[in-house]
Amino acid sequence: MSPSERVDLSAFIKAYDVRGLVPSELSPEVTRAIGAAFADVVVVPEAAAGSRPVVVVGNDMRPSGPELVDGFAQGLTARGVDVVRIGLASTDGLYFASGSLGVPGAMFTASHNPAQYNGIKLCRAGARPVGQDSGLAAVRDLAGDYLASGVPQVDDAARGTVSDREMLAEYAAFLRSLVDLADIRPLKVVVDAGNGMGGYTAPAVLGTHAGLPALPLEVVPLYFELDGTFPNHEANPLEPENLRDLQRAVVEHGADLGLAFDGDADRCFVVDENGDPVSPSAVTALVGLREVEREKAAGRTPTVIHNLITSRVVPDLLTAAGARTVRTRVGHSFIKAQMAEHDAVFGGEHSAHYYFRDFFFADTGMLAALHVLAALGGQPHPLSALADQYQPYVASGEINSRVASVADARARVVDAYVTRQGAGPVQVDELDGLTVSHWDAHPQWWFNLRASNTEPLLRLNVEAADEDIMEKVRDDVLALVRQEADA
């Protein structure tokens, strides 16, 4: 079919996943076409010779999930693919199902987006990612063809079947097998699920709801009721206002720490006993060091992946501990690819995605949480003291600037810092946007300026050895970026 006849799905099938409004963009008819296209592009061609192709499918708590899953399953079965529905699941629960069953998967979720949205995260067998350059663009185009011309049907004898399987207990047991919490000191932990899937997985992993033995944890639940309308706060802990209820509850309950999960519970954020956030970079360093020591004890040279806007403390500490560190672009498809390419034991991002080789190279916030609990409970000091070791520098956080011309704004920064070297000799790279570093001289600082893929925005991250320097670099770069807006 020619591109002009194809239904254009590019508005909501992006670089990494599917995410759109229900039902104007995503409907059972659309997910049926996507399911059929996924079957033809990824599932059937990659199925083992002589075996029935199978896809495992899960969904989060959004009310639109079940009907969208039904449409997707119809598309798969029409193309001769069997479907295993695991029902309610976190995204890492779906990755576990894909990895443990050795089949491709589809997770229906829009993470922290509002209730009127839903989406699909697709993966190959073993939880390997499907992104724009690894099949998603082809799935998008073929689904557009099928919406225009109809989904072709296999013979009745070859038609796929649909079955249901409960996997929460297996998921919980698998995570517990990777981190032993049986002998830690007793801890009180507040968990804010934000009415998302953490309210489903936390009782199974941290408690006894899946039939596992009790751990030395007192869990204080916050917003465990599954509700895709997110009545209490947006399920996006990356935004500071969404951590406030957790911070207050930790202090009120005298808890040792707090954990916050996003809507599909694949990201985990941590606050200490004072209610202060522990940066994802600090968590990356803490968990990374634990995995490095385990790898070295097994006689292997460890590799850890981090994206380019994590704190410099991550490569500093991990390299000193004997690890090889690999710096990647921002985005889970890039870090997952590097995890597999380098057989890395662990990877971390500033956005609180944490990746583990032992978890099929996929990201799981719950496994990162278990590591934090093990590290805290294995020594006598409070989390604030433990985290201080991993937060020696000062960061700006990500600052967005809307500009008339991304190219012109970037050029002003390049002219000031690179061409004229107004801040002195610097190191420059363009792995992802523009990174300018003055880290090998004093005062120590670096910044990264990246363009958004979808909007006329520039994203700035700055880190320095002290707050005064961070604020000066931040303000100077922002003044250059926003110069036209102020003119």
Protein backbone atom coordinates (compact mmCIF):
# COMPACT_ATOMS: atom_id res chain seq x y z
CA MET A 1 0.00 0.00 0.00
CA SER A 2 1.31 3.46 -0.80
CA PRO A 3 2.03 5.84 2.12
CA SER A 4 -0.73 8.17 0.87
CA GLU A 5 -3.37 5.45 1.41
CA ARG A 6 -2.09 4.43 4.84
CA VAL A 7 -3.76 5.64 8.05
CA ASP A 8 -1.15 7.88 9.73
CA LEU A 9 -0.48 6.74 13.30
CA SER A 10 2.67 8.81 13.87
CA ALA A 11 0.89 11.22 16.23
CA PHE A 12 0.86 8.59 18.98
CA ILE A 13 3.31 5.87 17.94
CA LYS A 14 6.59 7.54 18.79
CA ALA A 15 10.24 6.57 19.12
CA TYR A 16 9.88 4.27 22.15
CA ASP A 17 6.26 3.30 22.61
CA VAL A 18 2.60 3.88 21.79
CA ARG A 19 0.80 6.55 23.80
CA GLY A 20 -2.43 8.31 22.88
CA LEU A 21 -5.86 9.53 23.84
CA VAL A 22 -8.68 7.00 24.29
CA PRO A 23 -10.74 6.57 22.15
CA SER A 24 -9.88 9.33 19.65
CA GLU A 25 -6.43 7.89 18.96
CA LEU A 26 -6.34 4.52 20.69
CA SER A 27 -9.41 2.30 20.33
CA PRO A 28 -9.94 -1.47 20.16
CA GLU A 29 -9.96 -1.18 16.36
CA VAL A 30 -6.57 0.54 16.40
CA THR A 31 -5.02 -1.88 18.91
CA ARG A 32 -6.30 -4.77 16.78
CA ALA A 33 -4.35 -3.40 13.82
CA ILE A 34 -1.28 -2.82 16.01
CA GLY A 35 -1.50 -6.37 17.36
CA ALA A 36 -1.67 -7.82 13.85
CA ALA A 37 1.24 -5.67 12.70
CA PHE A 38 3.31 -6.64 15.77
CA ALA A 39 2.64 -10.28 14.90
CA ASP A 40 3.79 -9.86 11.31
CA VAL A 41 6.80 -7.60 11.92
CA VAL A 42 8.26 -9.07 15.13
CA VAL A 43 6.50 -12.10 16.58
CA VAL A 44 6.10 -14.54 13.70
CA PRO A 45 9.44 -13.83 11.95
CA GLU A 46 11.34 -14.31 15.23
CA ALA A 47 9.46 -17.37 16.52
CA ALA A 48 11.45 -20.57 16.85
CA ALA A 49 11.06 -22.89 13.88
CA GLY A 50 8.27 -25.41 14.38
CA SER A 51 6.83 -23.70 17.47
CA ARG A 52 3.62 -21.72 17.94
CA PRO A 53 4.31 -17.98 18.20
CA VAL A 54 3.17 -16.58 21.56
CA VAL A 55 2.82 -13.08 23.04
CA VAL A 56 2.29 -12.27 26.72
CA VAL A 57 0.09 -9.23 27.45
CA GLY A 58 -0.50 -7.23 30.63
CA ASN A 59 -2.26 -3.98 31.53
CA ASP A 60 -2.22 -1.40 34.29
CA MET A 61 -5.19 -0.10 36.27
CA ARG A 62 -6.58 2.28 33.63
CA PRO A 63 -10.28 1.59 32.91
CA SER A 64 -9.62 1.45 29.15
CA GLY A 65 -7.02 -1.31 29.49
CA PRO A 66 -9.13 -4.47 29.20
CA GLU A 67 -10.96 -3.48 26.00
CA LEU A 68 -7.72 -2.31 24.36
CA VAL A 69 -6.06 -5.61 25.32
CA ASP A 70 -9.00 -7.49 23.80
CA GLY A 71 -8.58 -5.64 20.51
CA PHE A 72 -4.82 -6.28 20.50
CA ALA A 73 -5.36 -9.99 21.20
CA GLN A 74 -7.82 -10.20 18.31
CA GLY A 75 -5.17 -8.81 15.97
CA LEU A 76 -2.58 -11.29 17.20
CA THR A 77 -4.83 -14.33 16.96
CA ALA A 78 -5.98 -13.29 13.48
CA ARG A 79 -2.35 -13.63 12.40
CA GLY A 80 -1.86 -17.04 14.03
CA VAL A 81 -0.31 -15.95 17.33
CA ASP A 82 -1.33 -17.37 20.72
CA VAL A 83 -1.92 -14.84 23.51
CA VAL A 84 -1.22 -15.28 27.22
CA ARG A 85 -2.98 -12.60 29.26
CA ILE A 86 -1.51 -11.94 32.70
CA GLY A 87 -4.06 -9.25 33.55
CA LEU A 88 -3.08 -6.51 35.96
CA ALA A 89 0.69 -5.97 35.98
CA SER A 90 3.40 -3.40 36.47
CA THR A 91 5.61 -2.79 33.46
CA ASP A 92 8.48 -4.65 35.09
CA GLY A 93 6.01 -7.45 35.85
CA LEU A 94 5.37 -7.72 32.11
CA TYR A 95 9.12 -7.68 31.43
CA PHE A 96 9.47 -10.53 33.93
CA ALA A 97 6.77 -12.49 32.10
CA SER A 98 8.45 -11.90 28.74
CA GLY A 99 11.85 -12.81 30.12
CA SER A 100 10.86 -15.86 32.11
CA LEU A 101 8.55 -17.28 29.42
CA GLY A 102 10.95 -16.38 26.61
CA VAL A 103 8.25 -14.76 24.44
CA PRO A 104 7.52 -11.24 23.15
CA GLY A 105 5.34 -9.00 25.28
CA ALA A 106 3.02 -6.01 25.28
CA MET A 107 2.29 -3.82 28.28
CA PHE A 108 -0.77 -1.57 28.13
CA THR A 109 0.03 1.54 30.13
CA ALA A 110 0.48 5.29 29.76
CA SER A 111 2.66 5.43 32.88
CA HIS A 112 1.92 8.71 34.70
CA ASN A 113 -0.13 10.35 31.94
CA PRO A 114 -3.71 11.43 32.81
CA ALA A 115 -6.60 8.96 32.79
CA GLN A 116 -7.76 9.77 29.26
CA TYR A 117 -4.49 8.33 27.90
CA ASN A 118 -3.33 4.77 27.40
CA GLY A 119 -0.46 3.20 25.52
CA ILE A 120 1.56 0.10 24.69
CA LYS A 121 5.16 -0.84 25.44
CA LEU A 122 6.28 -3.64 23.14
CA CYS A 123 9.19 -5.99 23.67
CA ARG A 124 10.78 -8.96 21.97
CA ALA A 125 11.32 -12.32 23.66
CA GLY A 126 13.47 -11.92 26.76
CA ALA A 127 12.13 -8.39 27.35
CA ARG A 128 14.36 -6.96 24.61
CA PRO A 129 13.15 -3.52 23.50
CA VAL A 130 11.19 -2.63 20.39
CA GLY A 131 11.86 0.99 19.42
CA GLN A 132 11.62 3.14 16.35
CA ASP A 133 14.84 1.74 14.87
CA SER A 134 14.20 -1.83 15.98
CA GLY A 135 10.74 -2.55 14.61
CA LEU A 136 8.32 0.02 16.00
CA ALA A 137 8.32 2.20 12.87
CA ALA A 138 7.55 -0.86 10.74
CA VAL A 139 4.77 -1.90 13.16
CA ARG A 140 3.32 1.64 12.94
CA ASP A 141 3.30 1.67 9.15
CA LEU A 142 1.85 -1.83 8.77
CA ALA A 143 -0.84 -1.08 11.38
CA GLY A 144 -1.75 1.99 9.32
CA ASP A 145 -2.08 -0.23 6.25
CA TYR A 146 -4.28 -2.70 8.14
CA LEU A 147 -6.56 0.09 9.36
CA ALA A 148 -7.01 1.21 5.77
CA SER A 149 -7.45 -2.20 4.14
CA GLY A 150 -8.41 -4.60 6.96
CA VAL A 151 -6.45 -7.16 8.97
CA PRO A 152 -5.77 -10.31 6.92
CA GLN A 153 -6.93 -13.55 8.54
CA VAL A 154 -5.12 -16.88 8.75
CA ASP A 155 -7.07 -20.11 8.24
CA ASP A 156 -9.23 -21.16 11.17
CA ALA A 157 -6.93 -24.09 11.90
CA ALA A 158 -3.97 -21.72 12.27
CA ARG A 159 -5.80 -19.09 14.30
CA GLY A 160 -4.25 -18.21 17.64
CA THR A 161 -5.76 -18.94 21.04
CA VAL A 162 -6.14 -16.79 24.16
CA SER A 163 -5.38 -18.05 27.70
CA ASP A 164 -4.96 -16.45 31.12
CA ARG A 165 -2.10 -16.88 33.56
CA GLU A 166 -1.45 -15.35 36.97
CA MET A 167 2.25 -14.39 37.38
CA LEU A 168 2.39 -11.94 40.30
CA ALA A 169 3.62 -14.56 42.79
CA GLU A 170 6.34 -15.74 40.39
CA TYR A 171 7.43 -12.13 39.82
CA ALA A 172 7.62 -11.44 43.56
CA ALA A 173 9.54 -14.64 44.28
CA PHE A 174 12.00 -13.91 41.48
CA LEU A 175 12.79 -10.42 42.79
CA ARG A 176 13.20 -11.73 46.33
CA SER A 177 15.65 -14.35 45.02
CA LEU A 178 17.92 -11.56 43.74
CA VAL A 179 18.17 -9.55 46.99
CA ASP A 180 18.05 -11.22 50.40
CA LEU A 181 16.35 -9.04 53.03
CA ALA A 182 15.80 -11.77 55.63
CA ASP A 183 18.64 -10.64 57.93
CA ILE A 184 18.41 -6.85 57.70
CA ARG A 185 17.52 -4.80 60.76
CA PRO A 186 13.82 -3.96 61.06
CA LEU A 187 12.82 -0.99 58.91
CA LYS A 188 9.70 1.12 58.64
CA VAL A 189 9.04 2.20 55.04
CA VAL A 190 6.30 4.39 53.62
CA VAL A 191 5.35 3.42 50.08
CA ASP A 192 3.45 5.89 47.90
CA ALA A 193 1.93 3.99 44.98
CA GLY A 194 0.13 7.06 43.65
CA ASN A 195 -2.94 4.86 42.95
CA GLY A 196 -0.81 3.08 40.36
CA MET A 197 0.49 -0.45 39.99
CA GLY A 198 2.85 -0.17 42.95
CA GLY A 199 -0.27 -0.71 45.05
CA TYR A 200 -0.54 -4.13 43.41
CA THR A 201 3.11 -5.19 43.42
CA ALA A 202 4.38 -3.79 46.73
CA PRO A 203 2.16 -5.98 48.94
CA ALA A 204 3.35 -9.03 46.97
CA VAL A 205 7.07 -8.23 47.03
CA LEU A 206 7.48 -6.37 50.34
CA GLY A 207 4.63 -8.11 52.15
CA THR A 208 2.98 -11.52 52.25
CA HIS A 209 0.16 -11.09 49.71
CA ALA A 210 1.83 -13.47 47.25
CA GLY A 211 2.35 -16.14 49.90
CA LEU A 212 6.01 -15.30 50.57
CA PRO A 213 7.49 -15.19 54.10
CA ALA A 214 7.26 -11.94 56.03
CA LEU A 215 10.25 -9.60 55.80
CA PRO A 216 11.56 -7.40 58.66
CA LEU A 217 9.67 -4.47 57.15
CA GLU A 218 6.78 -2.41 58.44
CA VAL A 219 5.13 -1.01 55.32
CA VAL A 220 2.97 2.09 55.66
CA PRO A 221 0.79 2.18 52.51
CA LEU A 222 -0.06 5.44 50.80
CA TYR A 223 -2.58 5.47 47.92
CA PHE A 224 -2.48 1.72 47.25
CA GLU A 225 -6.00 1.74 45.80
CA LEU A 226 -5.78 1.11 42.06
CA ASP A 227 -7.38 4.10 40.36
CA GLY A 228 -6.42 5.20 36.86
CA THR A 229 -7.95 8.64 37.45
CA PHE A 230 -5.13 9.38 39.96
CA PRO A 231 -7.36 11.17 42.50
CA ASN A 232 -4.59 12.10 44.96
CA HIS A 233 -1.70 13.29 42.81
CA GLU A 234 -0.15 12.61 39.43
CA ALA A 235 1.76 9.33 39.54
CA ASN A 236 4.99 10.98 38.41
CA PRO A 237 7.46 11.26 41.30
CA LEU A 238 9.95 13.08 39.07
CA GLU A 239 7.91 16.23 39.78
CA PRO A 240 8.67 17.50 43.33
CA GLU A 241 5.05 18.34 44.16
CA ASN A 242 4.13 14.67 43.74
CA LEU A 243 6.53 13.66 46.52
CA ARG A 244 5.10 15.97 49.18
CA ASP A 245 2.57 13.52 50.63
CA LEU A 246 5.28 10.88 50.92
CA GLN A 247 7.74 13.29 52.51
CA ARG A 248 5.18 14.36 55.09
CA ALA A 249 4.14 10.76 55.84
CA VAL A 250 7.75 9.60 56.36
CA VAL A 251 8.29 12.27 59.00
CA GLU A 252 4.87 11.78 60.65
CA HIS A 253 5.36 8.01 60.96
CA GLY A 254 9.02 8.22 62.00
CA ALA A 255 9.87 5.97 59.07
CA ASP A 256 13.37 5.02 57.99
CA LEU A 257 12.67 5.89 54.36
CA GLY A 258 10.00 6.39 51.73
CA LEU A 259 9.54 4.88 48.29
CA ALA A 260 7.45 6.40 45.48
CA PHE A 261 6.47 4.55 42.32
CA ASP A 262 5.14 5.99 39.10
CA GLY A 263 1.90 4.85 37.46
CA ASP A 264 3.18 1.62 35.92
CA ALA A 265 5.64 1.08 38.80
CA ASP A 266 8.76 0.71 36.67
CA ARG A 267 10.41 3.77 38.29
CA CYS A 268 11.19 4.15 41.98
CA PHE A 269 12.10 7.34 43.87
CA VAL A 270 13.55 7.39 47.36
CA VAL A 271 13.32 9.85 50.27
CA ASP A 272 15.31 9.62 53.49
CA GLU A 273 14.13 9.62 57.10
CA ASN A 274 13.92 13.44 57.06
CA GLY A 275 11.72 13.42 53.98
CA ASP A 276 14.54 14.70 51.77
CA PRO A 277 14.77 13.20 48.26
CA VAL A 278 17.71 10.94 47.48
CA SER A 279 18.75 11.71 43.91
CA PRO A 280 18.41 8.94 41.32
CA SER A 281 22.13 9.42 40.63
CA ALA A 282 22.88 8.62 44.27
CA VAL A 283 20.67 5.52 44.03
CA THR A 284 22.52 4.56 40.81
CA ALA A 285 25.85 4.82 42.65
CA LEU A 286 24.59 2.92 45.71
CA VAL A 287 23.02 0.05 43.75
CA GLY A 288 25.85 0.06 41.22
CA LEU A 289 28.47 -0.44 43.94
CA ARG A 290 26.50 -3.37 45.35
CA GLU A 291 26.29 -5.01 41.94
CA VAL A 292 29.97 -4.28 41.21
CA GLU A 293 31.08 -5.99 44.41
CA ARG A 294 28.91 -9.01 43.66
CA GLU A 295 30.32 -9.22 40.15
CA LYS A 296 33.91 -8.97 41.37
CA ALA A 297 33.26 -11.66 43.98
CA ALA A 298 32.26 -13.94 41.11
CA GLY A 299 35.58 -13.25 39.40
CA ARG A 300 34.15 -11.04 36.64
CA THR A 301 35.08 -7.52 35.57
CA PRO A 302 31.91 -5.47 36.01
CA THR A 303 30.49 -2.98 33.54
CA VAL A 304 27.91 -0.36 34.56
CA ILE A 305 25.93 1.85 32.17
CA HIS A 306 24.81 5.40 32.97
CA ASN A 307 23.33 8.13 30.84
CA LEU A 308 25.20 11.34 30.23
CA ILE A 309 23.23 13.50 32.65
CA THR A 310 23.68 11.37 35.73
CA SER A 311 25.97 12.85 38.34
CA ARG A 312 29.73 12.63 37.95
CA VAL A 313 29.71 10.75 41.24
CA VAL A 314 28.49 7.66 39.37
CA PRO A 315 31.53 7.10 37.13
CA ASP A 316 33.87 8.44 39.83
CA LEU A 317 32.83 5.94 42.51
CA LEU A 318 32.22 2.99 40.23
CA THR A 319 35.53 3.38 38.41
CA ALA A 320 37.33 3.64 41.76
CA ALA A 321 35.59 0.40 42.79
CA GLY A 322 37.00 -1.41 39.76
CA ALA A 323 34.11 -1.14 37.31
CA ARG A 324 34.17 -0.12 33.69
CA THR A 325 31.56 2.59 33.09
CA VAL A 326 29.86 3.30 29.76
CA ARG A 327 28.16 6.65 29.15
CA THR A 328 25.07 6.63 26.90
CA ARG A 329 22.49 8.93 25.39
CA VAL A 330 19.31 9.70 27.33
CA GLY A 331 16.47 7.26 26.65
CA HIS A 332 15.71 3.71 27.72
CA SER A 333 16.19 2.20 24.26
CA PHE A 334 19.78 3.46 24.17
CA ILE A 335 20.67 2.26 27.65
CA LYS A 336 19.01 -1.14 27.11
CA ALA A 337 20.98 -1.61 23.90
CA GLN A 338 24.22 -0.74 25.67
CA MET A 339 23.35 -3.01 28.59
CA ALA A 340 23.06 -5.98 26.23
CA GLU A 341 26.04 -5.01 24.05
CA HIS A 342 28.40 -4.73 27.01
CA ASP A 343 26.83 -7.47 29.14
CA ALA A 344 26.55 -4.83 31.86
CA VAL A 345 25.58 -5.89 35.34
CA PHE A 346 23.63 -2.67 36.04
CA GLY A 347 22.53 0.60 34.50
CA GLY A 348 20.97 3.76 35.90
CA GLU A 349 19.37 6.95 34.65
CA HIS A 350 18.64 10.35 36.18
CA SER A 351 14.93 9.62 35.63
CA ALA A 352 14.98 6.75 38.18
CA HIS A 353 15.00 3.92 35.66
CA TYR A 354 17.30 1.15 36.90
CA TYR A 355 18.36 -1.77 34.69
CA PHE A 356 19.71 -5.16 35.78
CA ARG A 357 21.37 -7.95 33.86
CA ASP A 358 19.72 -10.38 36.25
CA PHE A 359 16.35 -8.92 35.21
CA PHE A 360 16.75 -9.56 31.48
CA PHE A 361 18.66 -6.27 31.05
CA ALA A 362 15.33 -4.52 31.67
CA ASP A 363 14.36 -1.79 34.12
CA THR A 364 12.68 -2.50 37.43
CA GLY A 365 12.05 0.03 40.16
CA MET A 366 11.08 -2.64 42.66
CA LEU A 367 14.43 -4.43 42.40
CA ALA A 368 16.23 -1.11 42.91
CA ALA A 369 14.06 -0.55 46.00
CA LEU A 370 15.08 -3.95 47.39
CA HIS A 371 18.75 -2.99 46.97
CA VAL A 372 18.20 0.29 48.82
CA LEU A 373 16.43 -1.56 51.65
CA ALA A 374 19.25 -4.12 51.83
CA ALA A 375 21.94 -1.43 51.91
CA LEU A 376 20.13 0.59 54.60
CA GLY A 377 19.16 -2.42 56.69
CA GLY A 378 22.63 -3.94 56.52
CA GLN A 379 24.24 -1.11 58.52
CA PRO A 380 23.22 1.00 61.52
CA HIS A 381 23.21 4.53 60.10
CA PRO A 382 20.18 6.48 58.80
CA LEU A 383 19.61 6.80 55.07
CA SER A 384 20.56 10.50 55.10
CA ALA A 385 24.08 9.59 56.26
CA LEU A 386 24.32 6.72 53.80
CA ALA A 387 23.11 8.84 50.87
CA ASP A 388 25.51 11.70 51.65
CA GLN A 389 28.37 9.54 50.41
CA TYR A 390 26.75 9.48 46.98
CA GLN A 391 25.67 13.14 46.71
CA PRO A 392 28.87 15.23 46.95
CA TYR A 393 28.00 17.59 44.10
CA VAL A 394 25.20 20.08 43.43
CA ALA A 395 22.85 19.65 40.47
CA SER A 396 20.31 21.98 38.89
CA GLY A 397 17.81 19.33 37.89
CA GLU A 398 16.43 19.47 34.36
CA ILE A 399 15.27 22.95 33.29
CA ASN A 400 13.16 23.37 30.16
CA SER A 401 13.21 26.51 28.02
CA ARG A 402 10.79 27.09 25.15
CA VAL A 403 12.59 28.91 22.34
CA ALA A 404 11.70 30.29 18.92
CA SER A 405 14.72 28.60 17.34
CA VAL A 406 16.49 25.67 18.97
CA ALA A 407 19.39 26.02 16.52
CA ASP A 408 19.90 29.72 17.22
CA ALA A 409 19.75 29.29 21.00
CA ARG A 410 22.22 26.44 20.86
CA ALA A 411 24.52 28.48 18.61
CA ARG A 412 24.68 31.28 21.19
CA VAL A 413 25.79 28.80 23.84
CA VAL A 414 28.39 27.24 21.52
CA ASP A 415 29.76 30.66 20.65
CA ALA A 416 30.12 31.68 24.29
CA TYR A 417 31.54 28.47 25.74
CA VAL A 418 33.24 26.71 22.84
CA THR A 419 34.22 29.19 20.12
CA ARG A 420 35.28 32.05 22.39
CA GLN A 421 35.90 29.87 25.45
CA GLY A 422 34.52 32.56 27.70
CA ALA A 423 34.69 30.23 30.71
CA GLY A 424 38.21 28.96 29.94
CA PRO A 425 39.36 25.72 28.29
CA VAL A 426 36.58 23.14 28.22
CA GLN A 427 35.89 19.64 26.93
CA VAL A 428 33.02 19.33 24.48
CA ASP A 429 31.08 16.36 23.15
CA GLU A 430 27.88 15.89 21.19
CA LEU A 431 26.88 12.35 22.18
CA ASP A 432 23.43 13.68 23.02
CA GLY A 433 22.94 17.41 22.54
CA LEU A 434 25.84 19.58 23.70
CA THR A 435 27.91 18.70 26.77
CA VAL A 436 30.47 21.25 27.96
CA SER A 437 32.75 20.21 30.83
CA HIS A 438 35.18 22.16 33.01
CA TRP A 439 35.54 19.24 35.40
CA ASP A 440 39.31 18.72 35.04
CA ALA A 441 40.06 22.24 36.31
CA HIS A 442 38.75 24.54 39.03
CA PRO A 443 36.03 25.51 39.54
CA GLN A 444 34.51 22.14 38.58
CA TRP A 445 31.30 22.21 36.54
CA TRP A 446 29.61 20.73 33.49
CA PHE A 447 26.37 21.21 31.65
CA ASN A 448 24.35 19.41 29.01
CA LEU A 449 21.90 21.13 26.65
CA ARG A 450 19.56 18.82 24.71
CA ALA A 451 16.70 19.52 22.35
CA SER A 452 13.32 17.88 22.87
CA ASN A 453 12.33 15.39 20.18
CA THR A 454 8.75 16.67 20.03
CA GLU A 455 8.66 20.35 21.06
CA PRO A 456 10.71 23.56 20.56
CA LEU A 457 12.35 23.06 23.93
CA LEU A 458 15.92 22.96 25.16
CA ARG A 459 16.61 20.94 28.29
CA LEU A 460 19.46 22.10 30.54
CA ASN A 461 21.23 20.07 33.24
CA VAL A 462 24.07 21.57 35.25
CA GLU A 463 26.30 20.05 37.94
CA ALA A 464 29.12 21.64 39.91
CA ALA A 465 31.27 21.01 42.94
CA ASP A 466 29.42 23.68 44.94
CA GLU A 467 26.13 25.54 44.80
CA ASP A 468 27.49 28.99 43.93
CA ILE A 469 29.25 27.69 40.83
CA MET A 470 26.24 25.59 39.79
CA GLU A 471 23.95 28.62 40.06
CA LYS A 472 26.33 30.85 38.08
CA VAL A 473 26.72 28.35 35.23
CA ARG A 474 22.99 27.63 35.23
CA ASP A 475 22.04 31.31 35.11
CA ASP A 476 24.65 32.18 32.47
CA VAL A 477 23.56 29.36 30.13
CA LEU A 478 19.87 30.09 30.65
CA ALA A 479 20.45 33.77 29.85
CA LEU A 480 22.00 32.77 26.51
CA VAL A 481 19.26 30.24 25.74
CA ARG A 482 16.44 32.64 26.60
CA GLN A 483 18.04 35.78 25.16
CA GLU A 484 15.57 36.12 22.26
CA ALA A 485 12.60 35.76 24.58
CA ASP A 486 13.85 38.67 26.67
CA ALA A 487 14.75 40.87 23.70
